[in-house]
Amino acid sequence: MFCYQCQEAAKGTGCTLAGVCGKKAEVANLQDLLIYTIKGISILANEGRKIEININQVDKFIVNGLFMTITNANFDDNAFYKTIKEGLKLREELKKNIESKGIVLKELHDSVTWIAESDAEIELKSNSADVGVLATDNEDVRSLRELIIYGVKGMAAYAHHAYNLGKENNEIYAFITKALEATLDDSLSADDLVALTLETGKYGVDVMALLDDANTSTYGNPEITQVNIGVRKNPAILISGHDLNDLEQLLEQTKGTGVDVYTHSEMLPAHYYPAFKKYGNFVGNYGNAWWKQKEEIEAFNGPVIFTTNCIVPPKDSYKNRIYTTGASGFPGCKHIEADEKGNKDFSEIIQHAKKLDSPTEIETGSIVGGFAHAQVFALADKVVDAVKTGAIKKFFVMAGCDGRMKSRDYYTDFAKQLPDDTVILTAGCAKYKYNKLALGDIGGIPRVLDAGQCNDSYSLAVIALKLKEIFELNDINELPIAYNIAWYEQKAVIVLLALLHLGVKNIHLGPTLPAFLSPNVINVLVNTFGIAGITNVQDDIDMFLQ
């Protein structure tokens, strides 16, 4: 195997024996083959669009397949064998459909023509040299291709959540297949791929806007909310991941059952949406970021449902309490499938919860969040006045991901040492490095403003653009905003590319720069956008405050 798509790539170069995430080599290779197969399907999808064939089913398959390969989402080899077979069947049907319209498909790429009748043949193909990341010899071309693919994976995750709530954008689907086909095109230069990378950022903005519309039109605009982090004495279910539609279905099915529901990690921001506040059994948030789940799930006692990434391979002591759904999966854990209308039956999990102890309390109190763009706009006068009077000297965007590396303590220390006249804007699980610190407020404005999940980095961009308008500035980079972002997986990649598309410069990225960026690609990002890494807390704060 060779995988370097996440921040924890072994030795900062890539995982070759097994993933640091816990992914086995067989699964890594099957994921590569699924991506390879999806690229072939994308070639045909692009042909189908030209003659206006309805390929919505194909687009949804591609989005789901991409999502399955995101770090920590799916570890189940059987799920990948099944999905690859579905992809091959779908690909052949699409090929016949195109040819039935009189279109002659010539000189097809191997990704469009390879075939397998058994799991053994799929396994053999998954180990071939032409399938994985290293199939591209040129380091810079490989780096740009993977940067695009990882951005598209993040885009697919957000598109997946949006279509679960009935929102789709065919232009986003079309770009995904266009971009994937381009990563097979040896005629494209590095400059061509740089341009495509920036275009990926444009569609990253579009997909986050789509998901924002899906979430807010369904559940209302997030509002300032105190979220309980203690527990009650009832049996309970812990829901993790990002999919709000899954949460809604679980809350509907647990009403009146005596079973409480707690959020975990990236599901915390669900508490900010007005629509979920009607559920009396929606108790609070349990625990912290994804990487602490082994200890926290042990203490929770009840069943856990993963709606998406991020899964840490479970311990045997609680593995029988783990359920997955959607694009997530883990071998030996029950997977909840949706019916044709997208409905899921969580009754087995509810009955399981009733047989288990209530959660063990691991902390008490509450945390505040709900500062997405609509809520911040409602406070705009207060915020603008604080900036004009000097009460707020600078905003720090510290969105992104958390992770288990000790070096990530940097972000906790950074938050602690920021001057009292600064405000942190955050989204994603990076917030868990500082959202429980007593950092106070500035004239009633909390010094940590949590916009929500990683996709809600869109809110932070919208807020910045609104401030640019209010202060009548010509350039978003003239705002008193600094960007010190932590990353871990591919959704952070699409957020970064989206910010670059919006013209944001001088973003600092840590705790390490991506292993998939070659030295020459890093130079392009540094020279064009001012991308940089982090150093130490005090020197970085001094630099940002200059």
Protein backbone atom coordinates (compact mmCIF):
# COMPACT_ATOMS: atom_id res chain seq x y z
CA MET A 1 0.00 0.00 0.00
CA PHE A 2 0.92 3.64 -0.28
CA CYS A 3 -1.28 6.32 1.30
CA TYR A 4 -0.41 9.88 2.24
CA GLN A 5 -3.79 11.57 2.13
CA CYS A 6 -3.96 12.56 5.83
CA GLN A 7 -1.80 14.60 8.20
CA GLU A 8 -0.65 11.48 10.06
CA ALA A 9 1.14 9.95 7.06
CA ALA A 10 3.89 7.75 8.51
CA LYS A 11 7.22 9.56 8.91
CA GLY A 12 5.67 12.52 7.12
CA THR A 13 5.95 10.70 3.80
CA GLY A 14 3.30 7.95 3.58
CA CYS A 15 1.93 4.75 5.09
CA THR A 16 3.28 1.62 3.38
CA LEU A 17 2.58 -1.32 5.72
CA ALA A 18 -0.65 -0.21 7.41
CA GLY A 19 -2.32 3.12 7.93
CA VAL A 20 -1.60 5.10 11.09
CA CYS A 21 -5.39 5.48 11.07
CA GLY A 22 -5.73 1.71 11.48
CA LYS A 23 -6.48 0.97 7.83
CA LYS A 24 -5.08 -2.36 6.63
CA ALA A 25 -3.08 -2.62 3.41
CA GLU A 26 -5.84 -4.64 1.70
CA VAL A 27 -8.42 -1.94 2.43
CA ALA A 28 -6.05 0.82 1.32
CA ASN A 29 -5.51 -0.94 -2.02
CA LEU A 30 -9.24 -1.56 -2.45
CA GLN A 31 -9.87 2.13 -1.82
CA ASP A 32 -7.33 2.98 -4.53
CA LEU A 33 -9.10 0.59 -6.90
CA LEU A 34 -12.48 2.12 -6.11
CA ILE A 35 -11.09 5.58 -6.93
CA TYR A 36 -9.58 4.17 -10.14
CA THR A 37 -12.93 2.65 -11.08
CA ILE A 38 -14.73 5.90 -10.30
CA LYS A 39 -12.30 7.74 -12.60
CA GLY A 40 -13.31 5.38 -15.42
CA ILE A 41 -16.99 5.92 -14.66
CA SER A 42 -16.30 9.67 -14.70
CA ILE A 43 -14.95 9.47 -18.25
CA LEU A 44 -18.23 7.90 -19.35
CA ALA A 45 -20.29 10.28 -17.23
CA ASN A 46 -18.68 13.22 -19.02
CA GLU A 47 -19.60 11.64 -22.37
CA GLY A 48 -23.13 11.03 -21.10
CA ARG A 49 -23.58 14.68 -20.11
CA LYS A 50 -22.72 15.77 -23.65
CA ILE A 51 -25.71 13.87 -25.01
CA GLU A 52 -27.92 14.71 -22.02
CA ILE A 53 -28.26 11.19 -20.60
CA ASN A 54 -29.71 11.24 -17.08
CA ILE A 55 -26.81 10.14 -14.93
CA ASN A 56 -28.03 11.22 -11.49
CA GLN A 57 -27.69 7.66 -10.18
CA VAL A 58 -24.11 7.60 -11.47
CA ASP A 59 -23.31 10.93 -9.81
CA LYS A 60 -24.63 9.72 -6.46
CA PHE A 61 -22.62 6.52 -6.73
CA ILE A 62 -19.48 8.55 -7.40
CA VAL A 63 -20.13 10.87 -4.46
CA ASN A 64 -20.78 7.97 -2.09
CA GLY A 65 -17.75 6.03 -3.35
CA LEU A 66 -15.45 9.01 -2.89
CA PHE A 67 -16.82 9.59 0.60
CA MET A 68 -16.09 5.97 1.56
CA THR A 69 -12.38 6.53 0.91
CA ILE A 70 -11.99 9.56 3.19
CA THR A 71 -9.66 8.98 6.13
CA ASN A 72 -11.30 7.11 9.03
CA ALA A 73 -14.63 6.63 7.23
CA ASN A 74 -14.73 2.98 6.14
CA PHE A 75 -12.44 0.11 7.12
CA ASP A 76 -14.65 -2.72 5.84
CA ASP A 77 -13.03 -4.65 2.98
CA ASN A 78 -16.32 -6.38 2.15
CA ALA A 79 -17.99 -3.00 1.67
CA PHE A 80 -15.33 -2.06 -0.87
CA TYR A 81 -15.59 -5.36 -2.78
CA LYS A 82 -19.35 -4.81 -2.96
CA THR A 83 -19.07 -1.17 -4.04
CA ILE A 84 -16.45 -1.90 -6.72
CA LYS A 85 -18.73 -4.59 -8.17
CA GLU A 86 -21.63 -2.13 -8.18
CA GLY A 87 -19.39 0.39 -9.90
CA LEU A 88 -18.35 -2.04 -12.62
CA LYS A 89 -21.99 -2.93 -13.27
CA LEU A 90 -23.00 0.72 -13.37
CA ARG A 91 -20.09 1.52 -15.66
CA GLU A 92 -21.05 -1.18 -18.18
CA GLU A 93 -24.69 -0.07 -18.17
CA LEU A 94 -23.61 3.53 -18.78
CA LYS A 95 -21.31 2.44 -21.58
CA LYS A 96 -24.15 0.57 -23.30
CA ASN A 97 -26.50 3.50 -22.82
CA ILE A 98 -24.04 5.86 -24.49
CA GLU A 99 -23.37 3.47 -27.35
CA SER A 100 -27.12 3.01 -27.87
CA LYS A 101 -27.26 6.71 -28.77
CA GLY A 102 -24.91 6.10 -31.67
CA ILE A 103 -21.79 7.31 -29.88
CA VAL A 104 -18.63 5.35 -30.69
CA LEU A 105 -16.30 5.10 -27.70
CA LYS A 106 -12.71 4.75 -28.94
CA GLU A 107 -9.37 4.20 -27.25
CA LEU A 108 -10.86 3.84 -23.80
CA HIS A 109 -8.60 4.14 -20.77
CA ASP A 110 -7.93 0.98 -18.76
CA SER A 111 -10.05 2.39 -15.92
CA VAL A 112 -13.03 2.11 -18.29
CA THR A 113 -12.26 -1.37 -19.59
CA TRP A 114 -10.89 -3.48 -16.74
CA ILE A 115 -13.33 -6.10 -15.49
CA ALA A 116 -13.56 -8.64 -12.65
CA GLU A 117 -15.93 -11.51 -11.95
CA SER A 118 -14.77 -12.36 -8.43
CA ASP A 119 -13.31 -10.88 -5.25
CA ALA A 120 -10.02 -12.59 -6.10
CA GLU A 121 -9.83 -10.77 -9.43
CA ILE A 122 -10.66 -7.48 -7.72
CA GLU A 123 -7.92 -8.11 -5.15
CA LEU A 124 -5.44 -8.88 -7.91
CA LYS A 125 -6.30 -5.65 -9.75
CA SER A 126 -6.12 -3.63 -6.53
CA ASN A 127 -2.47 -4.62 -6.19
CA SER A 128 -1.48 -3.68 -9.74
CA ALA A 129 1.00 -0.86 -10.27
CA ASP A 130 -1.30 1.20 -12.51
CA VAL A 131 -4.01 1.75 -9.88
CA GLY A 132 -2.59 3.56 -6.85
CA VAL A 133 -1.07 6.94 -6.11
CA LEU A 134 2.41 5.94 -7.30
CA ALA A 135 1.12 5.10 -10.79
CA THR A 136 2.00 8.72 -11.65
CA ASP A 137 5.78 8.89 -11.96
CA ASN A 138 6.33 12.64 -12.05
CA GLU A 139 6.38 13.90 -8.46
CA ASP A 140 4.88 17.32 -9.20
CA VAL A 141 2.13 15.99 -11.45
CA ARG A 142 1.36 13.30 -8.85
CA SER A 143 1.21 15.96 -6.13
CA LEU A 144 -1.22 18.15 -8.06
CA ARG A 145 -3.37 15.20 -9.11
CA GLU A 146 -3.67 14.03 -5.52
CA LEU A 147 -4.36 17.55 -4.26
CA ILE A 148 -7.27 17.72 -6.71
CA ILE A 149 -8.51 14.23 -5.81
CA TYR A 150 -8.41 14.95 -2.08
CA GLY A 151 -10.24 18.22 -2.64
CA VAL A 152 -12.86 16.37 -4.66
CA LYS A 153 -13.20 13.78 -1.88
CA GLY A 154 -13.99 16.56 0.58
CA MET A 155 -16.40 18.07 -1.93
CA ALA A 156 -18.13 14.70 -2.28
CA ALA A 157 -18.62 14.44 1.49
CA TYR A 158 -20.45 17.77 1.57
CA ALA A 159 -22.47 16.96 -1.56
CA HIS A 160 -23.48 13.66 0.09
CA HIS A 161 -24.89 15.45 3.15
CA ALA A 162 -26.68 17.96 0.93
CA TYR A 163 -28.46 15.38 -1.23
CA ASN A 164 -29.52 13.53 1.92
CA LEU A 165 -31.50 16.71 2.65
CA GLY A 166 -32.85 17.03 -0.89
CA LYS A 167 -30.37 19.60 -2.22
CA GLU A 168 -28.32 18.91 -5.34
CA ASN A 169 -26.28 20.91 -7.83
CA ASN A 170 -25.57 19.23 -11.16
CA GLU A 171 -22.73 21.64 -11.88
CA ILE A 172 -20.91 20.30 -8.83
CA TYR A 173 -21.43 16.73 -9.98
CA ALA A 174 -20.18 17.67 -13.46
CA PHE A 175 -17.05 19.27 -12.03
CA ILE A 176 -16.27 16.20 -9.91
CA THR A 177 -16.30 13.91 -12.94
CA LYS A 178 -14.41 16.46 -15.04
CA ALA A 179 -11.70 16.76 -12.40
CA LEU A 180 -11.37 13.01 -11.91
CA GLU A 181 -11.01 12.40 -15.65
CA ALA A 182 -8.36 15.12 -15.78
CA THR A 183 -6.22 13.22 -13.27
CA LEU A 184 -5.82 10.49 -15.92
CA ASP A 185 -4.89 12.91 -18.72
CA ASP A 186 -1.13 12.78 -19.33
CA SER A 187 -1.34 15.66 -21.79
CA LEU A 188 -2.09 18.16 -19.02
CA SER A 189 0.85 20.20 -17.80
CA ALA A 190 1.59 21.18 -14.24
CA ASP A 191 0.21 24.65 -15.04
CA ASP A 192 -3.02 23.06 -16.28
CA LEU A 193 -3.33 21.12 -13.05
CA VAL A 194 -2.63 24.22 -10.93
CA ALA A 195 -5.53 25.94 -12.74
CA LEU A 196 -7.74 22.92 -12.09
CA THR A 197 -6.74 22.99 -8.42
CA LEU A 198 -7.97 26.56 -8.12
CA GLU A 199 -11.16 25.63 -9.96
CA THR A 200 -11.62 22.87 -7.38
CA GLY A 201 -11.62 25.62 -4.76
CA LYS A 202 -14.37 27.46 -6.64
CA TYR A 203 -16.61 24.40 -6.51
CA GLY A 204 -15.59 23.89 -2.89
CA VAL A 205 -17.24 27.23 -2.11
CA ASP A 206 -20.29 26.17 -4.13
CA VAL A 207 -20.70 22.83 -2.37
CA MET A 208 -20.35 24.37 1.09
CA ALA A 209 -22.93 27.00 0.14
CA LEU A 210 -25.20 24.17 -1.05
CA LEU A 211 -24.83 22.29 2.23
CA ASP A 212 -25.33 25.47 4.25
CA ASP A 213 -28.59 26.03 2.37
CA ALA A 214 -29.61 22.40 2.91
CA ASN A 215 -28.95 22.55 6.65
CA THR A 216 -30.47 25.96 7.34
CA SER A 217 -33.52 25.55 5.12
CA THR A 218 -34.27 22.24 6.85
CA TYR A 219 -33.34 22.96 10.45
CA GLY A 220 -33.19 26.78 10.71
CA ASN A 221 -30.22 29.10 11.17
CA PRO A 222 -27.90 28.14 14.03
CA GLU A 223 -28.32 30.33 17.10
CA ILE A 224 -26.30 30.97 20.24
CA THR A 225 -26.73 27.87 22.40
CA GLN A 226 -25.40 26.57 25.70
CA VAL A 227 -24.73 22.85 25.25
CA ASN A 228 -24.73 20.57 28.29
CA ILE A 229 -21.64 18.36 28.64
CA GLY A 230 -22.87 16.43 31.67
CA VAL A 231 -25.11 13.34 31.67
CA ARG A 232 -28.48 12.09 32.91
CA LYS A 233 -29.32 8.69 34.36
CA ASN A 234 -31.24 7.31 31.38
CA PRO A 235 -30.01 4.73 28.86
CA ALA A 236 -28.52 6.56 25.90
CA ILE A 237 -27.20 6.50 22.34
CA LEU A 238 -24.13 8.43 21.20
CA ILE A 239 -24.22 9.73 17.62
CA SER A 240 -21.00 10.72 15.91
CA GLY A 241 -20.02 12.00 12.48
CA HIS A 242 -21.61 14.81 10.49
CA ASP A 243 -24.94 13.77 8.94
CA LEU A 244 -27.83 15.81 10.37
CA ASN A 245 -30.45 13.80 8.50
CA ASP A 246 -29.34 10.66 10.36
CA LEU A 247 -29.57 12.57 13.64
CA GLU A 248 -33.08 13.76 12.86
CA GLN A 249 -34.24 10.22 12.09
CA LEU A 250 -32.66 8.93 15.31
CA LEU A 251 -34.34 11.66 17.39
CA GLU A 252 -37.72 10.94 15.83
CA GLN A 253 -37.39 7.23 16.56
CA THR A 254 -36.21 7.71 20.15
CA LYS A 255 -39.05 10.06 21.15
CA GLY A 256 -40.93 8.64 24.12
CA THR A 257 -38.68 5.58 24.44
CA GLY A 258 -36.84 6.72 27.55
CA VAL A 259 -33.58 6.68 25.61
CA ASP A 260 -31.47 9.84 25.54
CA VAL A 261 -29.33 10.98 22.61
CA TYR A 262 -25.93 12.64 22.97
CA THR A 263 -23.75 14.09 20.24
CA HIS A 264 -20.08 13.31 19.86
CA SER A 265 -17.24 15.23 18.21
CA GLU A 266 -18.36 16.86 14.91
CA MET A 267 -22.03 16.30 15.69
CA LEU A 268 -21.85 18.85 18.53
CA PRO A 269 -23.06 21.78 16.32
CA ALA A 270 -26.41 20.02 15.78
CA HIS A 271 -27.44 21.54 19.10
CA TYR A 272 -27.26 25.01 17.54
CA TYR A 273 -30.10 24.35 15.06
CA PRO A 274 -33.57 25.42 16.27
CA ALA A 275 -35.34 22.37 14.82
CA PHE A 276 -33.53 19.95 17.14
CA LYS A 277 -34.40 21.83 20.33
CA LYS A 278 -37.91 20.37 20.42
CA TYR A 279 -36.57 16.93 21.36
CA GLY A 280 -36.60 16.54 25.15
CA ASN A 281 -34.28 13.53 24.96
CA PHE A 282 -31.60 15.43 23.00
CA VAL A 283 -29.45 15.83 26.07
CA GLY A 284 -26.06 17.30 25.20
CA ASN A 285 -22.56 16.53 23.95
CA TYR A 286 -20.43 13.71 25.34
CA GLY A 287 -16.67 13.82 25.11
CA ASN A 288 -14.28 15.58 22.80
CA ALA A 289 -12.70 15.21 19.37
CA TRP A 290 -12.69 11.94 17.43
CA TRP A 291 -9.26 10.71 18.52
CA LYS A 292 -10.27 10.38 22.19
CA GLN A 293 -13.14 8.03 21.41
CA LYS A 294 -11.58 4.80 22.69
CA GLU A 295 -11.63 5.99 26.29
CA GLU A 296 -14.84 8.00 25.94
CA ILE A 297 -16.90 5.29 24.21
CA GLU A 298 -15.76 2.87 26.90
CA ALA A 299 -17.18 5.24 29.52
CA PHE A 300 -20.35 6.04 27.61
CA ASN A 301 -21.69 2.49 28.16
CA GLY A 302 -24.40 2.74 25.49
CA PRO A 303 -24.40 2.06 21.74
CA VAL A 304 -22.69 4.44 19.29
CA ILE A 305 -23.78 5.18 15.73
CA PHE A 306 -21.17 6.54 13.30
CA THR A 307 -22.87 8.44 10.49
CA THR A 308 -19.58 9.30 8.72
CA ASN A 309 -15.91 9.51 9.54
CA CYS A 310 -14.11 9.69 11.96
CA ILE A 311 -13.86 6.14 13.31
CA VAL A 312 -10.97 4.90 15.43
CA PRO A 313 -10.74 1.08 15.21
CA PRO A 314 -12.76 0.03 18.28
CA LYS A 315 -11.55 -2.03 21.20
CA ASP A 316 -13.05 -5.49 21.65
CA SER A 317 -14.55 -4.36 24.95
CA TYR A 318 -17.09 -2.13 23.19
CA LYS A 319 -16.98 -3.19 19.53
CA ASN A 320 -20.38 -4.89 19.86
CA ARG A 321 -21.85 -1.46 20.70
CA ILE A 322 -20.63 0.17 17.46
CA TYR A 323 -23.03 0.72 14.54
CA THR A 324 -22.28 2.40 11.22
CA THR A 325 -24.38 3.90 8.46
CA GLY A 326 -23.96 5.83 5.21
CA ALA A 327 -20.43 5.86 3.81
CA SER A 328 -18.90 4.63 7.08
CA GLY A 329 -18.15 1.04 7.99
CA PHE A 330 -16.04 -1.25 10.13
CA PRO A 331 -15.72 -5.04 9.85
CA GLY A 332 -17.73 -6.88 12.47
CA CYS A 333 -19.94 -3.88 13.26
CA LYS A 334 -23.62 -3.73 12.25
CA HIS A 335 -24.26 -1.43 9.29
CA ILE A 336 -27.65 0.29 9.05
CA GLU A 337 -28.77 0.63 5.43
CA ALA A 338 -31.26 3.17 4.13
CA ASP A 339 -34.31 2.14 2.12
CA GLU A 340 -35.07 3.56 -1.34
CA LYS A 341 -36.49 6.73 0.23
CA GLY A 342 -33.48 7.27 2.47
CA ASN A 343 -35.22 6.12 5.65
CA LYS A 344 -33.27 4.17 8.26
CA ASP A 345 -34.52 1.84 10.98
CA PHE A 346 -32.63 2.48 14.22
CA SER A 347 -34.88 0.25 16.36
CA GLU A 348 -32.13 -2.32 16.94
CA ILE A 349 -29.86 0.39 18.39
CA ILE A 350 -32.68 1.73 20.58
CA GLN A 351 -33.43 -1.71 22.00
CA HIS A 352 -29.71 -2.27 22.54
CA ALA A 353 -29.49 1.00 24.51
CA LYS A 354 -32.29 -0.05 26.84
CA LYS A 355 -30.27 -3.06 27.96
CA LEU A 356 -27.16 -1.06 28.88
CA ASP A 357 -26.11 1.26 31.68
CA SER A 358 -26.49 5.02 31.45
CA PRO A 359 -23.37 7.04 30.54
CA THR A 360 -20.60 7.56 33.07
CA GLU A 361 -20.13 11.26 33.68
CA ILE A 362 -16.70 12.43 32.50
CA GLU A 363 -17.22 16.20 32.77
CA THR A 364 -19.85 18.75 33.80
CA GLY A 365 -20.96 22.19 32.75
CA SER A 366 -21.70 23.57 29.30
CA ILE A 367 -20.07 25.07 26.23
CA VAL A 368 -21.43 27.77 23.96
CA GLY A 369 -21.65 27.80 20.17
CA GLY A 370 -23.92 28.70 17.30
CA PHE A 371 -22.01 31.57 15.70
CA ALA A 372 -22.71 30.80 12.05
CA HIS A 373 -23.08 33.68 9.61
CA ALA A 374 -26.73 34.55 10.29
CA GLN A 375 -26.16 34.76 14.05
CA VAL A 376 -22.98 36.83 13.64
CA PHE A 377 -24.79 39.18 11.23
CA ALA A 378 -27.40 39.67 13.94
CA LEU A 379 -24.55 40.83 16.19
CA ALA A 380 -22.87 42.82 13.41
CA ASP A 381 -23.32 46.25 14.98
CA LYS A 382 -21.80 45.03 18.24
CA VAL A 383 -18.88 43.35 16.47
CA VAL A 384 -18.18 46.32 14.18
CA ASP A 385 -18.28 48.73 17.11
CA ALA A 386 -15.83 46.55 19.05
CA VAL A 387 -13.44 46.63 16.09
CA LYS A 388 -13.79 50.40 15.57
CA THR A 389 -13.19 51.18 19.24
CA GLY A 390 -10.21 48.84 19.40
CA ALA A 391 -11.85 46.46 21.88
CA ILE A 392 -11.24 43.74 19.28
CA LYS A 393 -7.85 44.14 17.64
CA LYS A 394 -7.77 40.96 15.59
CA PHE A 395 -9.73 37.83 14.66
CA PHE A 396 -7.98 34.48 14.37
CA VAL A 397 -9.55 31.82 12.15
CA MET A 398 -8.56 28.55 13.81
CA ALA A 399 -10.87 26.18 11.97
CA GLY A 400 -10.08 22.68 10.78
CA CYS A 401 -9.36 19.33 12.39
CA ASP A 402 -8.09 17.96 15.66
CA GLY A 403 -5.80 14.96 15.93
CA ARG A 404 -3.85 12.83 18.36
CA MET A 405 -0.31 14.11 17.73
CA LYS A 406 1.25 15.79 20.77
CA SER A 407 2.35 18.64 18.50
CA ARG A 408 -1.31 19.71 18.28
CA ASP A 409 -1.09 21.02 21.84
CA TYR A 410 0.33 24.03 19.99
CA TYR A 411 -3.24 25.13 19.23
CA THR A 412 -4.30 25.00 22.88
CA ASP A 413 -1.25 27.00 23.91
CA PHE A 414 -1.78 29.42 21.03
CA ALA A 415 -5.35 30.10 22.16
CA LYS A 416 -4.27 30.55 25.79
CA GLN A 417 -1.53 33.01 24.90
CA LEU A 418 -3.51 35.20 22.49
CA PRO A 419 -4.03 38.73 23.85
CA ASP A 420 -7.38 39.44 25.53
CA ASP A 421 -8.37 41.80 22.68
CA THR A 422 -8.48 38.98 20.11
CA VAL A 423 -11.31 36.66 19.05
CA ILE A 424 -11.07 33.09 17.72
CA LEU A 425 -13.36 32.11 14.83
CA THR A 426 -13.59 28.34 14.61
CA ALA A 427 -15.36 25.43 12.91
CA GLY A 428 -14.67 21.72 12.75
CA CYS A 429 -13.29 19.52 15.51
CA ALA A 430 -10.21 21.76 15.86
CA LYS A 431 -12.40 23.64 18.36
CA TYR A 432 -11.89 20.94 20.96
CA LYS A 433 -8.35 22.20 21.54
CA TYR A 434 -9.72 25.38 23.16
CA ASN A 435 -13.55 25.49 23.31
CA LYS A 436 -13.57 24.49 26.99
CA LEU A 437 -10.96 27.06 28.06
CA ALA A 438 -12.11 30.00 30.17
CA LEU A 439 -11.08 32.67 27.67
CA GLY A 440 -13.82 35.13 28.62
CA ASP A 441 -15.53 37.64 26.37
CA ILE A 442 -15.14 41.13 24.93
CA GLY A 443 -18.13 43.28 25.75
CA GLY A 444 -20.38 40.24 25.77
CA ILE A 445 -18.85 38.73 22.61
CA PRO A 446 -17.30 35.34 23.50
CA ARG A 447 -13.64 35.09 22.57
CA VAL A 448 -14.31 31.73 20.87
CA LEU A 449 -17.03 31.92 18.23
CA ASP A 450 -17.90 28.41 17.05
CA ALA A 451 -19.61 28.41 13.65
CA GLY A 452 -20.19 24.64 13.58
CA GLN A 453 -18.87 21.64 11.65
CA CYS A 454 -15.90 21.71 9.25
CA ASN A 455 -18.20 22.61 6.34
CA ASP A 456 -19.31 25.64 8.34
CA SER A 457 -15.94 27.19 7.54
CA TYR A 458 -18.16 28.57 4.78
CA SER A 459 -19.79 30.73 7.46
CA LEU A 460 -16.40 32.09 8.45
CA ALA A 461 -15.73 33.05 4.83
CA VAL A 462 -19.15 34.70 4.53
CA ILE A 463 -18.51 36.63 7.74
CA ALA A 464 -15.14 37.83 6.42
CA LEU A 465 -16.67 38.95 3.12
CA LYS A 466 -19.42 40.80 5.03
CA LEU A 467 -16.85 42.60 7.18
CA LYS A 468 -14.92 43.54 4.03
CA GLU A 469 -18.13 45.10 2.71
CA ILE A 470 -18.95 46.90 5.97
CA PHE A 471 -15.48 48.40 6.28
CA GLU A 472 -15.45 49.25 2.55
CA LEU A 473 -12.17 47.47 1.88
CA ASN A 474 -10.86 46.49 -1.55
CA ASP A 475 -9.23 43.25 -0.48
CA ILE A 476 -10.31 40.58 2.01
CA ASN A 477 -6.70 40.43 3.17
CA GLU A 478 -6.94 44.01 4.51
CA LEU A 479 -9.22 42.77 7.31
CA PRO A 480 -7.78 42.27 10.81
CA ILE A 481 -8.10 38.50 10.36
CA ALA A 482 -5.30 35.93 10.57
CA TYR A 483 -5.62 32.30 9.51
CA ASN A 484 -3.94 29.62 11.62
CA ILE A 485 -5.62 26.42 10.55
CA ALA A 486 -5.14 22.83 11.67
CA TRP A 487 -5.78 20.08 9.14
CA TYR A 488 -6.14 16.31 9.24
CA GLU A 489 -8.11 14.89 6.32
CA GLN A 490 -9.62 15.64 2.93
CA LYS A 491 -12.49 17.88 4.00
CA ALA A 492 -9.86 20.26 5.34
CA VAL A 493 -8.25 20.18 1.89
CA ILE A 494 -11.41 21.40 0.15
CA VAL A 495 -11.87 24.10 2.81
CA LEU A 496 -8.30 25.29 2.16
CA LEU A 497 -8.82 25.35 -1.61
CA ALA A 498 -12.11 27.22 -1.13
CA LEU A 499 -10.34 29.90 0.91
CA LEU A 500 -7.66 30.23 -1.77
CA HIS A 501 -10.37 30.67 -4.41
CA LEU A 502 -11.88 33.48 -2.32
CA GLY A 503 -8.53 35.25 -2.42
CA VAL A 504 -7.44 34.63 1.17
CA LYS A 505 -3.67 34.77 1.50
CA ASN A 506 -1.04 34.05 4.14
CA ILE A 507 -2.82 31.02 5.61
CA HIS A 508 -0.70 29.10 8.08
CA LEU A 509 -1.28 25.36 8.08
CA GLY A 510 -0.26 22.82 10.69
CA PRO A 511 0.84 20.94 12.59
CA THR A 512 2.71 19.80 9.46
CA LEU A 513 2.34 20.56 5.79
CA PRO A 514 0.74 17.76 3.72
CA ALA A 515 3.03 14.93 2.67
CA PHE A 516 1.35 14.91 -0.75
CA LEU A 517 2.67 18.38 -1.59
CA SER A 518 5.94 18.14 -3.51
CA PRO A 519 8.61 20.82 -2.91
CA ASN A 520 7.78 22.50 -6.21
CA VAL A 521 4.03 22.54 -5.49
CA ILE A 522 4.73 23.97 -2.03
CA ASN A 523 6.78 26.72 -3.70
CA VAL A 524 3.83 27.58 -5.95
CA LEU A 525 1.51 27.81 -2.94
CA VAL A 526 4.04 29.88 -0.98
CA ASN A 527 4.82 32.29 -3.81
CA THR A 528 1.23 32.68 -5.03
CA PHE A 529 -0.76 32.55 -1.79
CA GLY A 530 1.70 32.94 1.06
CA ILE A 531 0.92 29.50 2.47
CA ALA A 532 3.19 28.69 5.40
CA GLY A 533 3.58 26.22 8.23
CA ILE A 534 3.67 26.90 11.95
CA THR A 535 6.76 27.36 14.14
CA ASN A 536 6.33 28.02 17.86
CA VAL A 537 3.48 29.73 19.68
CA GLN A 538 5.15 32.97 20.76
CA ASP A 539 6.97 33.63 17.50
CA ASP A 540 3.80 32.89 15.52
CA ILE A 541 1.67 35.20 17.69
CA ASP A 542 4.25 37.98 17.32
CA MET A 543 4.27 37.47 13.56
CA PHE A 544 0.45 37.49 13.27
CA LEU A 545 0.11 40.63 15.41
CA GLN A 546 2.63 42.70 13.44
